């Protein structure tokens, strides 16, 4: 079961502007976009370490 955690992050305005635009274009939430990108980055990083 997935749990949701609330936190505060300080994100550069250029990044959050891009996230907002992506969310609008994909008709989804900024939270979903941020979670997806973080997950992709973590998976990519852990895959590189396993090689």
N, C-alpha and C. Protein backbone atom coordinates (compact mmCIF):
# COMPACT_ATOMS: atom_id res chain seq x y z
N UNK A 1 0.84 -1.18 0.00
CA UNK A 1 0.00 0.00 0.00
C UNK A 1 0.88 1.24 0.00
N UNK A 2 0.59 2.18 -0.88
CA UNK A 2 1.34 3.42 -0.93
C UNK A 2 0.80 4.39 0.13
N UNK A 3 1.72 5.05 0.79
CA UNK A 3 1.31 6.09 1.73
C UNK A 3 1.74 7.43 1.14
N UNK A 4 1.04 8.47 1.55
CA UNK A 4 1.37 9.80 1.07
C UNK A 4 2.01 10.57 2.20
N UNK A 5 3.08 11.26 1.89
CA UNK A 5 3.78 12.09 2.85
C UNK A 5 3.77 13.52 2.35
N UNK A 6 3.56 14.43 3.25
CA UNK A 6 3.59 15.85 2.90
C UNK A 6 4.91 16.42 3.36
N UNK A 7 5.54 17.20 2.49
CA UNK A 7 6.82 17.80 2.84
C UNK A 7 6.93 19.17 2.16
N UNK A 8 7.92 19.90 2.55
CA UNK A 8 8.19 21.20 1.93
C UNK A 8 9.53 21.12 1.22
N UNK A 9 9.52 21.51 -0.04
CA UNK A 9 10.75 21.55 -0.83
C UNK A 9 10.90 22.95 -1.40
N UNK A 10 12.12 23.41 -1.51
CA UNK A 10 12.41 24.68 -2.15
C UNK A 10 12.91 24.37 -3.56
N UNK A 11 12.05 24.63 -4.54
CA UNK A 11 12.34 24.30 -5.93
C UNK A 11 12.54 25.59 -6.70
N UNK A 12 13.59 25.63 -7.51
CA UNK A 12 13.85 26.81 -8.33
C UNK A 12 12.62 27.18 -9.15
N UNK A 13 12.40 28.46 -9.32
CA UNK A 13 11.20 28.92 -10.02
C UNK A 13 11.16 28.44 -11.47
N UNK A 14 12.32 28.34 -12.13
CA UNK A 14 12.33 27.86 -13.51
C UNK A 14 11.85 26.41 -13.58
N UNK A 15 12.24 25.62 -12.60
CA UNK A 15 11.84 24.21 -12.57
C UNK A 15 10.35 24.10 -12.31
N UNK A 16 9.84 24.82 -11.34
CA UNK A 16 8.42 24.72 -11.01
C UNK A 16 7.57 25.24 -12.16
N UNK A 17 8.04 26.27 -12.86
CA UNK A 17 7.31 26.76 -14.04
C UNK A 17 7.21 25.68 -15.11
N UNK A 18 8.31 24.95 -15.31
CA UNK A 18 8.32 23.86 -16.28
C UNK A 18 7.38 22.74 -15.84
N UNK A 19 7.43 22.40 -14.56
CA UNK A 19 6.55 21.36 -14.01
C UNK A 19 5.08 21.74 -14.21
N UNK A 20 4.75 23.00 -13.93
CA UNK A 20 3.38 23.48 -14.11
C UNK A 20 2.94 23.32 -15.56
N UNK A 21 3.79 23.69 -16.50
CA UNK A 21 3.45 23.59 -17.92
C UNK A 21 3.28 22.14 -18.35
N UNK A 22 4.15 21.27 -17.89
CA UNK A 22 4.04 19.84 -18.22
C UNK A 22 2.73 19.29 -17.68
N UNK A 23 2.39 19.65 -16.44
CA UNK A 23 1.15 19.17 -15.83
C UNK A 23 -0.06 19.64 -16.61
N UNK A 24 -0.04 20.89 -17.04
CA UNK A 24 -1.16 21.41 -17.85
C UNK A 24 -1.26 20.64 -19.16
N UNK A 25 -0.13 20.47 -19.84
CA UNK A 25 -0.12 19.78 -21.13
C UNK A 25 -0.58 18.32 -21.02
N UNK A 26 -0.26 17.68 -19.90
CA UNK A 26 -0.63 16.28 -19.71
C UNK A 26 -1.94 16.11 -18.94
N UNK A 27 -2.57 17.24 -18.60
CA UNK A 27 -3.83 17.22 -17.87
C UNK A 27 -3.74 16.38 -16.59
N UNK A 28 -2.71 16.68 -15.80
CA UNK A 28 -2.49 15.97 -14.55
C UNK A 28 -2.00 16.97 -13.51
N UNK A 29 -1.61 16.48 -12.35
CA UNK A 29 -1.18 17.37 -11.27
C UNK A 29 0.33 17.55 -11.26
N UNK A 30 0.74 18.65 -10.66
CA UNK A 30 2.17 18.90 -10.48
C UNK A 30 2.77 17.81 -9.59
N UNK A 31 2.04 17.38 -8.59
CA UNK A 31 2.53 16.32 -7.69
C UNK A 31 2.84 15.05 -8.48
N UNK A 32 1.95 14.68 -9.39
CA UNK A 32 2.17 13.47 -10.18
C UNK A 32 3.42 13.62 -11.06
N UNK A 33 3.57 14.78 -11.68
CA UNK A 33 4.73 15.01 -12.54
C UNK A 33 6.01 14.94 -11.72
N UNK A 34 6.04 15.62 -10.58
CA UNK A 34 7.24 15.61 -9.72
C UNK A 34 7.55 14.20 -9.25
N UNK A 35 6.55 13.46 -8.80
CA UNK A 35 6.78 12.09 -8.35
C UNK A 35 7.32 11.22 -9.48
N UNK A 36 6.75 11.36 -10.68
CA UNK A 36 7.20 10.56 -11.82
C UNK A 36 8.66 10.85 -12.16
N UNK A 37 9.02 12.15 -12.20
CA UNK A 37 10.40 12.51 -12.53
C UNK A 37 11.37 12.07 -11.44
N UNK A 38 10.99 12.21 -10.19
CA UNK A 38 11.86 11.75 -9.10
C UNK A 38 12.06 10.24 -9.18
N UNK A 39 10.97 9.53 -9.42
CA UNK A 39 11.07 8.06 -9.51
C UNK A 39 11.99 7.65 -10.66
N UNK A 40 11.83 8.31 -11.82
CA UNK A 40 12.69 8.00 -12.98
C UNK A 40 14.16 8.27 -12.66
N UNK A 41 14.42 9.38 -12.00
CA UNK A 41 15.80 9.73 -11.63
C UNK A 41 16.41 8.74 -10.66
N UNK A 42 15.63 8.33 -9.69
CA UNK A 42 16.11 7.37 -8.69
C UNK A 42 16.36 6.02 -9.35
N UNK A 43 15.43 5.57 -10.19
CA UNK A 43 15.60 4.29 -10.86
C UNK A 43 16.83 4.31 -11.77
N UNK A 44 17.02 5.40 -12.49
CA UNK A 44 18.18 5.52 -13.38
C UNK A 44 19.47 5.48 -12.58
N UNK A 45 19.48 6.18 -11.46
CA UNK A 45 20.68 6.24 -10.62
C UNK A 45 20.99 4.88 -9.99
N UNK A 46 19.98 4.17 -9.50
CA UNK A 46 20.23 2.88 -8.87
C UNK A 46 20.58 1.82 -9.90
N UNK A 47 20.07 1.94 -11.13
CA UNK A 47 20.41 1.01 -12.19
C UNK A 47 21.88 1.16 -12.56
N UNK A 48 22.37 2.39 -12.63
CA UNK A 48 23.78 2.63 -12.96
C UNK A 48 24.69 2.03 -11.90
N UNK A 49 24.31 2.12 -10.62
CA UNK A 49 25.14 1.59 -9.54
C UNK A 49 25.19 0.08 -9.56
N UNK A 50 24.13 -0.56 -10.05
CA UNK A 50 24.08 -2.03 -10.06
C UNK A 50 24.93 -2.62 -11.18
N UNK A 51 25.23 -1.83 -12.20
CA UNK A 51 25.99 -2.33 -13.36
C UNK A 51 27.45 -2.46 -13.02
